[in-house]
Amino acid sequence: MFEKLRHLLADNQIMLVLLALVAGMMFPAVFLPIAPYTTAMLMLIFFTSSLRLEASELFAYAKDWKMLLIANISMLILMPIALWFPLAAFAPEWALAFLIVGAMPTGLTIALIADMFGGKQSLAMLISATTSILAPITVPLILSLVVGRSVDIPVLNLFGSLFLTIVVPFVLAMATKREFKPFVQKHDLMWREVSLLFFALLVAAITANSMHGDTITLSWMDAGIVLVLTVFMGGIAWVSAAATSWRSPAERITIALCMVYMNNTLALYIGDKFFANQHIVPKLLIILTAVNLLLPPIKFAASKILKTTKPSTIANPVL
């Protein structure tokens, strides 16, 4: 029975994450007790995910500044502006929520998701790190220029949090991998399953903690707006990934995935802290749920692309 459950979770990992998001919205009281431990869970996720990374690949990707520039500009500037203007004209009640989501950096747990898609964990982690480092500058700038409102994000606290949740687990994982390499490799599947379990708990806890008693309502018109803009968001991500045509298919898939896998935590934090009077959190939760629904189609497309790709072109981090 346990083995069947393991295989079921292994084959439906993306759906498990989506269910965790929905569970956090529907049963917040169940997951609120673990909300104070989200930082510890995130560190554990990064540690176990980093055990499956190759440091040499990570540093090799960092040499391609042109690829990183395209990914960061598309993620932090192009995406929010492209989402804001059509909505400001035709559906202003949704414009701010999509602007906030579009301005977010890549989610910190992207390395785990990239591995599920057959992408490159090292590249995903690098894009997550660079967009997260730039976010304290770009997010207030975008919101101030577009909305006309200054948002004071605690830059030092944010950088400290990023260092604690990304750098420290990565360094510990690399040291562990160097000292206990046979053990780490032998239990490779276990690290993935532990990461997935705590990732689902993390998503549910963050969602539950962000509800604050708000209710979610969605009309047919609202559902249509969210659907169209979510597909539009996926199109922007695919075009941006295609712009890095010199990279392998697996790497372009990773870039597209990074574009649509936003930092849910930061989006909900900004919405709750700076736009509480607009009751923006329920709209953010709807959008983030819709964006997560993009993941299965991307995974399906990725599997098709990788099956028709020659093995020699799947990964080539060294320029």
C-alpha atoms as a PDB file:
ATOM      1  CA  MET A   1       0.000   0.000   0.000  1.00  0.00           C
ATOM      2  CA  PHE A   2       2.858   2.325   0.891  1.00  0.00           C
ATOM      3  CA  GLU A   3       4.610   1.618  -2.398  1.00  0.00           C
ATOM      4  CA  LYS A   4       1.394   2.322  -4.351  1.00  0.00           C
ATOM      5  CA  LEU A   5       1.022   5.627  -2.513  1.00  0.00           C
ATOM      6  CA  ARG A   6       4.626   6.527  -3.306  1.00  0.00           C
ATOM      7  CA  HIS A   7       4.137   5.853  -7.006  1.00  0.00           C
ATOM      8  CA  LEU A   8       0.855   7.780  -7.028  1.00  0.00           C
ATOM      9  CA  LEU A   9       2.525  10.838  -5.518  1.00  0.00           C
ATOM     10  CA  ALA A  10       5.526  10.491  -7.837  1.00  0.00           C
ATOM     11  CA  ASP A  11       3.282  10.497 -10.914  1.00  0.00           C
ATOM     12  CA  ASN A  12       0.999  13.337  -9.741  1.00  0.00           C
ATOM     13  CA  GLN A  13       3.359  15.712  -7.970  1.00  0.00           C
ATOM     14  CA  ILE A  14       2.077  18.867  -9.642  1.00  0.00           C
ATOM     15  CA  MET A  15      -1.516  18.014  -8.749  1.00  0.00           C
ATOM     16  CA  LEU A  16      -0.431  17.475  -5.139  1.00  0.00           C
ATOM     17  CA  VAL A  17       0.955  21.011  -5.012  1.00  0.00           C
ATOM     18  CA  LEU A  18      -2.279  22.395  -6.489  1.00  0.00           C
ATOM     19  CA  LEU A  19      -4.328  20.437  -3.947  1.00  0.00           C
ATOM     20  CA  ALA A  20      -2.178  21.866  -1.159  1.00  0.00           C
ATOM     21  CA  LEU A  21      -2.997  25.390  -2.343  1.00  0.00           C
ATOM     22  CA  VAL A  22      -6.715  24.606  -2.417  1.00  0.00           C
ATOM     23  CA  ALA A  23      -6.529  22.828   0.980  1.00  0.00           C
ATOM     24  CA  GLY A  24      -4.925  25.895   2.546  1.00  0.00           C
ATOM     25  CA  MET A  25      -7.817  28.039   1.271  1.00  0.00           C
ATOM     26  CA  MET A  26     -10.583  25.658   2.298  1.00  0.00           C
ATOM     27  CA  PHE A  27      -9.219  24.443   5.650  1.00  0.00           C
ATOM     28  CA  PRO A  28      -7.024  27.243   7.022  1.00  0.00           C
ATOM     29  CA  ALA A  29      -7.526  26.152  10.652  1.00  0.00           C
ATOM     30  CA  VAL A  30      -5.880  22.791   9.893  1.00  0.00           C
ATOM     31  CA  PHE A  31      -2.670  24.311   8.540  1.00  0.00           C
ATOM     32  CA  LEU A  32      -2.377  27.490  10.625  1.00  0.00           C
ATOM     33  CA  PRO A  33      -0.514  25.700  13.475  1.00  0.00           C
ATOM     34  CA  ILE A  34       2.417  24.938  11.129  1.00  0.00           C
ATOM     35  CA  ALA A  35       2.538  28.436   9.600  1.00  0.00           C
ATOM     36  CA  PRO A  36       5.230  29.653  12.076  1.00  0.00           C
ATOM     37  CA  TYR A  37       7.574  26.952  10.776  1.00  0.00           C
ATOM     38  CA  THR A  38       7.514  27.942   7.088  1.00  0.00           C
ATOM     39  CA  THR A  39      11.104  29.266   7.171  1.00  0.00           C
ATOM     40  CA  ALA A  40      12.388  25.991   8.622  1.00  0.00           C
ATOM     41  CA  MET A  41      10.413  24.007   6.035  1.00  0.00           C
ATOM     42  CA  LEU A  42      11.769  26.165   3.224  1.00  0.00           C
ATOM     43  CA  MET A  43      15.325  25.612   4.443  1.00  0.00           C
ATOM     44  CA  LEU A  44      14.726  21.854   4.554  1.00  0.00           C
ATOM     45  CA  ILE A  45      13.312  21.929   1.021  1.00  0.00           C
ATOM     46  CA  PHE A  46      16.349  23.832  -0.241  1.00  0.00           C
ATOM     47  CA  PHE A  47      18.730  21.498   1.583  1.00  0.00           C
ATOM     48  CA  THR A  48      17.208  18.305   0.180  1.00  0.00           C
ATOM     49  CA  SER A  49      16.832  19.848  -3.294  1.00  0.00           C
ATOM     50  CA  SER A  50      20.444  21.055  -3.250  1.00  0.00           C
ATOM     51  CA  LEU A  51      21.652  17.537  -2.466  1.00  0.00           C
ATOM     52  CA  ARG A  52      20.567  16.694  -6.031  1.00  0.00           C
ATOM     53  CA  LEU A  53      22.375  19.647  -7.636  1.00  0.00           C
ATOM     54  CA  GLU A  54      25.761  19.855  -9.307  1.00  0.00           C
ATOM     55  CA  ALA A  55      27.637  22.989  -8.183  1.00  0.00           C
ATOM     56  CA  SER A  56      29.726  22.996 -11.377  1.00  0.00           C
ATOM     57  CA  GLU A  57      26.567  23.351 -13.490  1.00  0.00           C
ATOM     58  CA  LEU A  58      25.308  26.231 -11.349  1.00  0.00           C
ATOM     59  CA  PHE A  59      28.493  28.239 -11.823  1.00  0.00           C
ATOM     60  CA  ALA A  60      28.643  27.380 -15.525  1.00  0.00           C
ATOM     61  CA  TYR A  61      25.153  28.816 -16.103  1.00  0.00           C
ATOM     62  CA  ALA A  62      26.145  32.010 -14.290  1.00  0.00           C
ATOM     63  CA  LYS A  63      28.598  32.756 -17.114  1.00  0.00           C
ATOM     64  CA  ASP A  64      25.782  33.242 -19.637  1.00  0.00           C
ATOM     65  CA  TRP A  65      24.913  36.831 -18.680  1.00  0.00           C
ATOM     66  CA  LYS A  66      22.751  37.332 -21.792  1.00  0.00           C
ATOM     67  CA  MET A  67      20.436  34.448 -20.845  1.00  0.00           C
ATOM     68  CA  LEU A  68      20.153  35.716 -17.269  1.00  0.00           C
ATOM     69  CA  LEU A  69      19.458  39.263 -18.481  1.00  0.00           C
ATOM     70  CA  ILE A  70      16.586  38.090 -20.715  1.00  0.00           C
ATOM     71  CA  ALA A  71      15.122  35.937 -17.940  1.00  0.00           C
ATOM     72  CA  ASN A  72      15.299  38.678 -15.302  1.00  0.00           C
ATOM     73  CA  ILE A  73      13.981  41.516 -17.477  1.00  0.00           C
ATOM     74  CA  SER A  74      11.137  39.352 -18.783  1.00  0.00           C
ATOM     75  CA  MET A  75      10.227  38.152 -15.304  1.00  0.00           C
ATOM     76  CA  LEU A  76      10.478  41.368 -13.312  1.00  0.00           C
ATOM     77  CA  ILE A  77       9.619  44.106 -15.840  1.00  0.00           C
ATOM     78  CA  LEU A  78       8.005  42.789 -19.025  1.00  0.00           C
ATOM     79  CA  MET A  79       5.546  40.442 -17.319  1.00  0.00           C
ATOM     80  CA  PRO A  80       3.920  42.928 -14.882  1.00  0.00           C
ATOM     81  CA  ILE A  81       3.663  45.728 -17.456  1.00  0.00           C
ATOM     82  CA  ALA A  82       2.193  43.414 -20.103  1.00  0.00           C
ATOM     83  CA  LEU A  83      -0.434  42.233 -17.604  1.00  0.00           C
ATOM     84  CA  TRP A  84      -1.305  45.673 -16.211  1.00  0.00           C
ATOM     85  CA  PHE A  85      -2.183  47.719 -19.295  1.00  0.00           C
ATOM     86  CA  PRO A  86      -4.936  45.572 -20.882  1.00  0.00           C
ATOM     87  CA  LEU A  87      -6.541  44.996 -17.490  1.00  0.00           C
ATOM     88  CA  ALA A  88      -6.373  48.673 -16.513  1.00  0.00           C
ATOM     89  CA  ALA A  89      -8.521  49.412 -19.577  1.00  0.00           C
ATOM     90  CA  PHE A  90     -10.972  46.489 -19.563  1.00  0.00           C
ATOM     91  CA  ALA A  91     -10.986  44.994 -16.028  1.00  0.00           C
ATOM     92  CA  PRO A  92      -9.475  47.499 -13.565  1.00  0.00           C
ATOM     93  CA  GLU A  93     -10.692  45.534 -10.535  1.00  0.00           C
ATOM     94  CA  TRP A  94      -8.185  42.785 -11.460  1.00  0.00           C
ATOM     95  CA  ALA A  95      -5.331  45.002 -12.664  1.00  0.00           C
ATOM     96  CA  LEU A  96      -3.581  45.488  -9.311  1.00  0.00           C
ATOM     97  CA  ALA A  97      -3.723  41.795  -8.371  1.00  0.00           C
ATOM     98  CA  PHE A  98      -2.200  40.695 -11.680  1.00  0.00           C
ATOM     99  CA  LEU A  99       0.403  43.467 -11.461  1.00  0.00           C
ATOM    100  CA  ILE A 100       1.537  42.223  -8.055  1.00  0.00           C
ATOM    101  CA  VAL A 101       1.710  38.593  -9.202  1.00  0.00           C
ATOM    102  CA  GLY A 102       3.490  39.525 -12.440  1.00  0.00           C
ATOM    103  CA  ALA A 103       6.118  41.577 -10.615  1.00  0.00           C
ATOM    104  CA  MET A 104       7.135  38.701  -8.359  1.00  0.00           C
ATOM    105  CA  PRO A 105      10.474  36.891  -8.648  1.00  0.00           C
ATOM    106  CA  THR A 106      10.667  33.179  -9.303  1.00  0.00           C
ATOM    107  CA  GLY A 107       9.530  31.032  -6.371  1.00  0.00           C
ATOM    108  CA  LEU A 108      12.282  29.791  -4.082  1.00  0.00           C
ATOM    109  CA  THR A 109      11.222  26.145  -4.461  1.00  0.00           C
ATOM    110  CA  ILE A 110      11.580  26.188  -8.260  1.00  0.00           C
ATOM    111  CA  ALA A 111      14.486  23.721  -8.197  1.00  0.00           C
ATOM    112  CA  LEU A 112      12.132  21.015  -6.955  1.00  0.00           C
ATOM    113  CA  ILE A 113       9.519  21.784  -9.631  1.00  0.00           C
ATOM    114  CA  ALA A 114      12.130  21.959 -12.409  1.00  0.00           C
ATOM    115  CA  ASP A 115      13.281  18.464 -11.511  1.00  0.00           C
ATOM    116  CA  MET A 116       9.717  17.174 -11.927  1.00  0.00           C
ATOM    117  CA  PHE A 117       9.569  18.663 -15.434  1.00  0.00           C
ATOM    118  CA  GLY A 118      12.844  17.227 -16.667  1.00  0.00           C
ATOM    119  CA  GLY A 119      14.363  20.706 -16.550  1.00  0.00           C
ATOM    120  CA  LYS A 120      17.651  21.872 -15.086  1.00  0.00           C
ATOM    121  CA  GLN A 121      17.644  22.311 -11.307  1.00  0.00           C
ATOM    122  CA  SER A 122      20.847  24.341 -11.300  1.00  0.00           C
ATOM    123  CA  LEU A 123      19.542  26.842 -13.855  1.00  0.00           C
ATOM    124  CA  ALA A 124      16.198  27.135 -12.070  1.00  0.00           C
ATOM    125  CA  MET A 125      17.902  27.806  -8.755  1.00  0.00           C
ATOM    126  CA  LEU A 126      20.151  30.448 -10.351  1.00  0.00           C
ATOM    127  CA  ILE A 127      17.213  32.312 -11.919  1.00  0.00           C
ATOM    128  CA  SER A 128      15.340  32.129  -8.620  1.00  0.00           C
ATOM    129  CA  ALA A 129      18.344  33.619  -6.810  1.00  0.00           C
ATOM    130  CA  THR A 130      18.957  36.456  -9.304  1.00  0.00           C
ATOM    131  CA  THR A 131      15.296  37.490  -9.582  1.00  0.00           C
ATOM    132  CA  SER A 132      14.930  37.345  -5.785  1.00  0.00           C
ATOM    133  CA  ILE A 133      18.005  39.543  -5.300  1.00  0.00           C
ATOM    134  CA  LEU A 134      16.677  42.125  -7.790  1.00  0.00           C
ATOM    135  CA  ALA A 135      13.066  42.009  -6.529  1.00  0.00           C
ATOM    136  CA  PRO A 136      13.600  44.415  -3.596  1.00  0.00           C
ATOM    137  CA  ILE A 137      14.527  47.022  -6.231  1.00  0.00           C
ATOM    138  CA  THR A 138      12.188  46.199  -9.107  1.00  0.00           C
ATOM    139  CA  VAL A 139       8.964  45.476  -7.167  1.00  0.00           C
ATOM    140  CA  PRO A 140       8.753  48.889  -5.426  1.00  0.00           C
ATOM    141  CA  LEU A 141       9.813  50.589  -8.679  1.00  0.00           C
ATOM    142  CA  ILE A 142       7.146  48.864 -10.795  1.00  0.00           C
ATOM    143  CA  LEU A 143       4.380  49.465  -8.240  1.00  0.00           C
ATOM    144  CA  SER A 144       5.400  53.088  -7.790  1.00  0.00           C
ATOM    145  CA  LEU A 145       5.581  53.857 -11.526  1.00  0.00           C
ATOM    146  CA  VAL A 146       2.464  51.969 -12.571  1.00  0.00           C
ATOM    147  CA  VAL A 147       0.153  52.353  -9.579  1.00  0.00           C
ATOM    148  CA  GLY A 148       1.641  55.584  -8.313  1.00  0.00           C
ATOM    149  CA  ARG A 149       2.136  54.157  -4.848  1.00  0.00           C
ATOM    150  CA  SER A 150       5.421  53.714  -3.029  1.00  0.00           C
ATOM    151  CA  VAL A 151       5.817  50.318  -1.389  1.00  0.00           C
ATOM    152  CA  ASP A 152       8.397  50.101   1.376  1.00  0.00           C
ATOM    153  CA  ILE A 153       9.754  46.561   1.248  1.00  0.00           C
ATOM    154  CA  PRO A 154      12.199  45.739   4.084  1.00  0.00           C
ATOM    155  CA  VAL A 155      15.218  45.197   1.858  1.00  0.00           C
ATOM    156  CA  LEU A 156      17.658  44.109   4.576  1.00  0.00           C
ATOM    157  CA  ASN A 157      15.162  41.667   6.062  1.00  0.00           C
ATOM    158  CA  LEU A 158      14.390  40.289   2.619  1.00  0.00           C
ATOM    159  CA  PHE A 159      18.068  39.829   1.762  1.00  0.00           C
ATOM    160  CA  GLY A 160      18.652  38.209   5.154  1.00  0.00           C
ATOM    161  CA  SER A 161      15.761  35.839   4.581  1.00  0.00           C
ATOM    162  CA  LEU A 162      17.042  34.934   1.129  1.00  0.00           C
ATOM    163  CA  PHE A 163      20.524  34.258   2.502  1.00  0.00           C
ATOM    164  CA  LEU A 164      19.113  32.084   5.287  1.00  0.00           C
ATOM    165  CA  THR A 165      16.768  30.084   3.048  1.00  0.00           C
ATOM    166  CA  ILE A 166      18.926  29.755  -0.084  1.00  0.00           C
ATOM    167  CA  VAL A 167      22.639  30.194   0.622  1.00  0.00           C
ATOM    168  CA  VAL A 168      22.907  28.432   3.999  1.00  0.00           C
ATOM    169  CA  PRO A 169      21.038  25.237   2.940  1.00  0.00           C
ATOM    170  CA  PHE A 170      22.978  25.173  -0.342  1.00  0.00           C
ATOM    171  CA  VAL A 171      26.366  25.409   1.401  1.00  0.00           C
ATOM    172  CA  LEU A 172      25.366  22.748   3.940  1.00  0.00           C
ATOM    173  CA  ALA A 173      24.101  20.467   1.167  1.00  0.00           C
ATOM    174  CA  MET A 174      27.317  20.830  -0.847  1.00  0.00           C
ATOM    175  CA  ALA A 175      29.405  20.054   2.265  1.00  0.00           C
ATOM    176  CA  THR A 176      27.211  17.044   3.070  1.00  0.00           C
ATOM    177  CA  LYS A 177      27.412  15.809  -0.497  1.00  0.00           C
ATOM    178  CA  ARG A 178      31.211  16.085  -0.497  1.00  0.00           C
ATOM    179  CA  GLU A 179      31.622  14.204   2.800  1.00  0.00           C
ATOM    180  CA  PHE A 180      28.899  11.567   2.301  1.00  0.00           C
ATOM    181  CA  LYS A 181      28.576  11.286  -1.477  1.00  0.00           C
ATOM    182  CA  PRO A 182      27.738   7.532  -1.649  1.00  0.00           C
ATOM    183  CA  PHE A 183      25.014   7.919   0.985  1.00  0.00           C
ATOM    184  CA  VAL A 184      23.536  10.998  -0.729  1.00  0.00           C
ATOM    185  CA  GLN A 185      23.449   9.295  -4.127  1.00  0.00           C
ATOM    186  CA  LYS A 186      21.985   6.075  -2.715  1.00  0.00           C
ATOM    187  CA  HIS A 187      19.012   7.939  -1.223  1.00  0.00           C
ATOM    188  CA  ASP A 188      18.441  10.304  -4.135  1.00  0.00           C
ATOM    189  CA  LEU A 189      14.737   9.401  -4.419  1.00  0.00           C
ATOM    190  CA  MET A 190      14.203   9.969  -0.709  1.00  0.00           C
ATOM    191  CA  TRP A 191      15.489  13.565  -0.911  1.00  0.00           C
ATOM    192  CA  ARG A 192      12.985  14.254  -3.669  1.00  0.00           C
ATOM    193  CA  GLU A 193      10.058  12.774  -1.729  1.00  0.00           C
ATOM    194  CA  VAL A 194      10.952  14.653   1.465  1.00  0.00           C
ATOM    195  CA  SER A 195      11.175  17.891  -0.524  1.00  0.00           C
ATOM    196  CA  LEU A 196       7.784  17.278  -2.094  1.00  0.00           C
ATOM    197  CA  LEU A 197       6.080  16.481   1.214  1.00  0.00           C
ATOM    198  CA  PHE A 198       7.325  19.599   2.960  1.00  0.00           C
ATOM    199  CA  PHE A 199       6.691  21.693  -0.138  1.00  0.00           C
ATOM    200  CA  ALA A 200       3.003  20.710  -0.085  1.00  0.00           C
ATOM    201  CA  LEU A 201       2.801  21.527   3.638  1.00  0.00           C
ATOM    202  CA  LEU A 202       4.551  24.845   3.037  1.00  0.00           C
ATOM    203  CA  VAL A 203       2.115  25.881   0.290  1.00  0.00           C
ATOM    204  CA  ALA A 204      -0.901  24.956   2.419  1.00  0.00           C
ATOM    205  CA  ALA A 205       0.449  26.766   5.496  1.00  0.00           C
ATOM    206  CA  ILE A 206       1.306  29.981   3.626  1.00  0.00           C
ATOM    207  CA  THR A 207      -2.091  30.016   1.935  1.00  0.00           C
ATOM    208  CA  ALA A 208      -3.930  29.417   5.219  1.00  0.00           C
ATOM    209  CA  ASN A 209      -1.936  32.125   6.978  1.00  0.00           C
ATOM    210  CA  SER A 210      -2.744  34.631   4.224  1.00  0.00           C
ATOM    211  CA  MET A 211      -6.510  34.198   4.265  1.00  0.00           C
ATOM    212  CA  HIS A 212      -7.214  36.227   7.452  1.00  0.00           C
ATOM    213  CA  GLY A 213     -10.909  35.395   7.284  1.00  0.00           C
ATOM    214  CA  ASP A 214     -11.369  36.738   3.755  1.00  0.00           C
ATOM    215  CA  THR A 215     -13.895  34.981   1.535  1.00  0.00           C
ATOM    216  CA  ILE A 216     -13.345  34.143  -2.114  1.00  0.00           C
ATOM    217  CA  THR A 217     -16.047  34.837  -4.698  1.00  0.00           C
ATOM    218  CA  LEU A 218     -15.675  34.394  -8.435  1.00  0.00           C
ATOM    219  CA  SER A 219     -18.232  35.284 -11.107  1.00  0.00           C
ATOM    220  CA  TRP A 220     -18.225  33.776 -14.591  1.00  0.00           C
ATOM    221  CA  MET A 221     -16.814  37.068 -15.921  1.00  0.00           C
ATOM    222  CA  ASP A 222     -14.042  36.997 -13.324  1.00  0.00           C
ATOM    223  CA  ALA A 223     -13.248  33.382 -14.196  1.00  0.00           C
ATOM    224  CA  GLY A 224     -12.977  34.311 -17.873  1.00  0.00           C
ATOM    225  CA  ILE A 225     -10.635  37.219 -17.114  1.00  0.00           C
ATOM    226  CA  VAL A 226      -8.393  35.036 -14.946  1.00  0.00           C
ATOM    227  CA  LEU A 227      -8.325  32.275 -17.569  1.00  0.00           C
ATOM    228  CA  VAL A 228      -7.450  34.588 -20.474  1.00  0.00           C
ATOM    229  CA  LEU A 229      -4.757  36.459 -18.533  1.00  0.00           C
ATOM    230  CA  THR A 230      -3.254  33.245 -17.196  1.00  0.00           C
ATOM    231  CA  VAL A 231      -2.932  31.840 -20.720  1.00  0.00           C
ATOM    232  CA  PHE A 232      -1.494  35.210 -21.793  1.00  0.00           C
ATOM    233  CA  MET A 233       1.037  34.929 -18.974  1.00  0.00           C
ATOM    234  CA  GLY A 234       2.031  31.499 -20.227  1.00  0.00           C
ATOM    235  CA  GLY A 235       2.479  32.927 -23.729  1.00  0.00           C
ATOM    236  CA  ILE A 236       4.821  35.642 -22.445  1.00  0.00           C
ATOM    237  CA  ALA A 237       6.851  33.008 -20.633  1.00  0.00           C
ATOM    238  CA  TRP A 238       7.133  30.826 -23.741  1.00  0.00           C
ATOM    239  CA  VAL A 239       8.185  33.748 -25.955  1.00  0.00           C
ATOM    240  CA  SER A 240      10.806  34.831 -23.433  1.00  0.00           C
ATOM    241  CA  ALA A 241      12.195  31.302 -23.267  1.00  0.00           C
ATOM    242  CA  ALA A 242      12.274  31.120 -27.073  1.00  0.00           C
ATOM    243  CA  ALA A 243      14.405  34.276 -27.061  1.00  0.00           C
ATOM    244  CA  THR A 244      17.242  32.185 -25.587  1.00  0.00           C
ATOM    245  CA  SER A 245      17.428  30.047 -28.714  1.00  0.00           C
ATOM    246  CA  TRP A 246      21.106  29.215 -28.218  1.00  0.00           C
ATOM    247  CA  ARG A 247      20.268  27.194 -25.095  1.00  0.00           C
ATOM    248  CA  SER A 248      19.092  23.564 -25.107  1.00  0.00           C
ATOM    249  CA  PRO A 249      15.361  22.651 -25.066  1.00  0.00           C
ATOM    250  CA  ALA A 250      15.571  21.499 -21.436  1.00  0.00           C
ATOM    251  CA  GLU A 251      17.066  24.847 -20.461  1.00  0.00           C
ATOM    252  CA  ARG A 252      14.441  26.853 -22.375  1.00  0.00           C
ATOM    253  CA  ILE A 253      11.721  24.807 -20.669  1.00  0.00           C
ATOM    254  CA  THR A 254      13.317  25.687 -17.340  1.00  0.00           C
ATOM    255  CA  ILE A 255      13.286  29.411 -18.207  1.00  0.00           C
ATOM    256  CA  ALA A 256       9.599  29.263 -19.200  1.00  0.00           C
ATOM    257  CA  LEU A 257       8.799  27.456 -15.970  1.00  0.00           C
ATOM    258  CA  CYS A 258      10.662  30.079 -13.919  1.00  0.00           C
ATOM    259  CA  MET A 259       8.574  32.776 -15.616  1.00  0.00           C
ATOM    260  CA  VAL A 260       5.215  31.357 -14.473  1.00  0.00           C
ATOM    261  CA  TYR A 261       6.285  29.954 -11.107  1.00  0.00           C
ATOM    262  CA  MET A 262       5.996  33.120  -9.014  1.00  0.00           C
ATOM    263  CA  ASN A 263       6.979  33.614  -5.392  1.00  0.00           C
ATOM    264  CA  ASN A 264       3.580  33.020  -3.781  1.00  0.00           C
ATOM    265  CA  THR A 265       4.855  34.001  -0.351  1.00  0.00           C
ATOM    266  CA  LEU A 266       6.072  37.451  -1.397  1.00  0.00           C
ATOM    267  CA  ALA A 267       2.941  38.156  -3.466  1.00  0.00           C
ATOM    268  CA  LEU A 268       0.636  37.374  -0.540  1.00  0.00           C
ATOM    269  CA  TYR A 269       2.866  39.342   1.847  1.00  0.00           C
ATOM    270  CA  ILE A 270       2.754  42.472  -0.314  1.00  0.00           C
ATOM    271  CA  GLY A 271      -0.972  42.176  -0.943  1.00  0.00           C
ATOM    272  CA  ASP A 272      -1.766  41.715   2.742  1.00  0.00           C
ATOM    273  CA  LYS A 273       0.640  44.337   4.108  1.00  0.00           C
ATOM    274  CA  PHE A 274       0.335  47.182   1.620  1.00  0.00           C
ATOM    275  CA  PHE A 275      -3.066  46.712  -0.041  1.00  0.00           C
ATOM    276  CA  ALA A 276      -5.191  45.330   2.806  1.00  0.00           C
ATOM    277  CA  ASN A 277      -7.897  47.978   2.285  1.00  0.00           C
ATOM    278  CA  GLN A 278      -8.436  46.745  -1.278  1.00  0.00           C
ATOM    279  CA  HIS A 279      -8.934  43.132  -0.004  1.00  0.00           C
ATOM    280  CA  ILE A 280      -6.523  41.978  -2.668  1.00  0.00           C
ATOM    281  CA  VAL A 281      -5.502  38.653  -1.048  1.00  0.00           C
ATOM    282  CA  PRO A 282      -8.534  36.618  -2.262  1.00  0.00           C
ATOM    283  CA  LYS A 283      -7.855  37.756  -5.846  1.00  0.00           C
ATOM    284  CA  LEU A 284      -4.184  36.875  -5.445  1.00  0.00           C
ATOM    285  CA  LEU A 285      -5.096  33.381  -4.259  1.00  0.00           C
ATOM    286  CA  ILE A 286      -7.375  32.895  -7.267  1.00  0.00           C
ATOM    287  CA  ILE A 287      -4.635  34.028  -9.667  1.00  0.00           C
ATOM    288  CA  LEU A 288      -1.955  31.903  -8.011  1.00  0.00           C
ATOM    289  CA  THR A 289      -4.235  28.873  -8.194  1.00  0.00           C
ATOM    290  CA  ALA A 290      -4.851  29.555 -11.891  1.00  0.00           C
ATOM    291  CA  VAL A 291      -1.123  29.966 -12.528  1.00  0.00           C
ATOM    292  CA  ASN A 292      -0.498  26.609 -10.861  1.00  0.00           C
ATOM    293  CA  LEU A 293      -2.980  25.120 -13.319  1.00  0.00           C
ATOM    294  CA  LEU A 294      -0.533  26.138 -16.066  1.00  0.00           C
ATOM    295  CA  LEU A 295       2.006  23.670 -14.711  1.00  0.00           C
ATOM    296  CA  PRO A 296       0.446  20.402 -15.956  1.00  0.00           C
ATOM    297  CA  PRO A 297       0.175  21.675 -19.592  1.00  0.00           C
ATOM    298  CA  ILE A 298       3.773  22.919 -19.411  1.00  0.00           C
ATOM    299  CA  LYS A 299       4.861  19.550 -18.057  1.00  0.00           C
ATOM    300  CA  PHE A 300       3.013  17.756 -20.866  1.00  0.00           C
ATOM    301  CA  ALA A 301       4.617  20.017 -23.500  1.00  0.00           C
ATOM    302  CA  ALA A 302       8.018  19.604 -21.864  1.00  0.00           C
ATOM    303  CA  SER A 303       7.795  15.799 -21.940  1.00  0.00           C
ATOM    304  CA  LYS A 304       6.864  15.897 -25.639  1.00  0.00           C
ATOM    305  CA  ILE A 305       9.744  18.230 -26.476  1.00  0.00           C
ATOM    306  CA  LEU A 306      12.306  16.245 -24.500  1.00  0.00           C
ATOM    307  CA  LYS A 307      11.190  12.945 -26.070  1.00  0.00           C
ATOM    308  CA  THR A 308      11.868  14.328 -29.555  1.00  0.00           C
ATOM    309  CA  THR A 309      15.180  15.955 -28.548  1.00  0.00           C
ATOM    310  CA  LYS A 310      18.505  14.277 -29.148  1.00  0.00           C
ATOM    311  CA  PRO A 311      20.208  13.367 -25.857  1.00  0.00           C
ATOM    312  CA  SER A 312      23.275  15.442 -26.733  1.00  0.00           C
ATOM    313  CA  THR A 313      21.201  18.645 -26.830  1.00  0.00           C
ATOM    314  CA  ILE A 314      19.235  18.199 -23.606  1.00  0.00           C
ATOM    315  CA  ALA A 315      21.830  19.765 -21.329  1.00  0.00           C
ATOM    316  CA  ASN A 316      24.779  21.943 -22.219  1.00  0.00           C
ATOM    317  CA  PRO A 317      25.544  24.419 -19.442  1.00  0.00           C
ATOM    318  CA  VAL A 318      29.090  25.152 -20.510  1.00  0.00           C
ATOM    319  CA  LEU A 319      29.396  27.852 -23.193  1.00  0.00           C
END
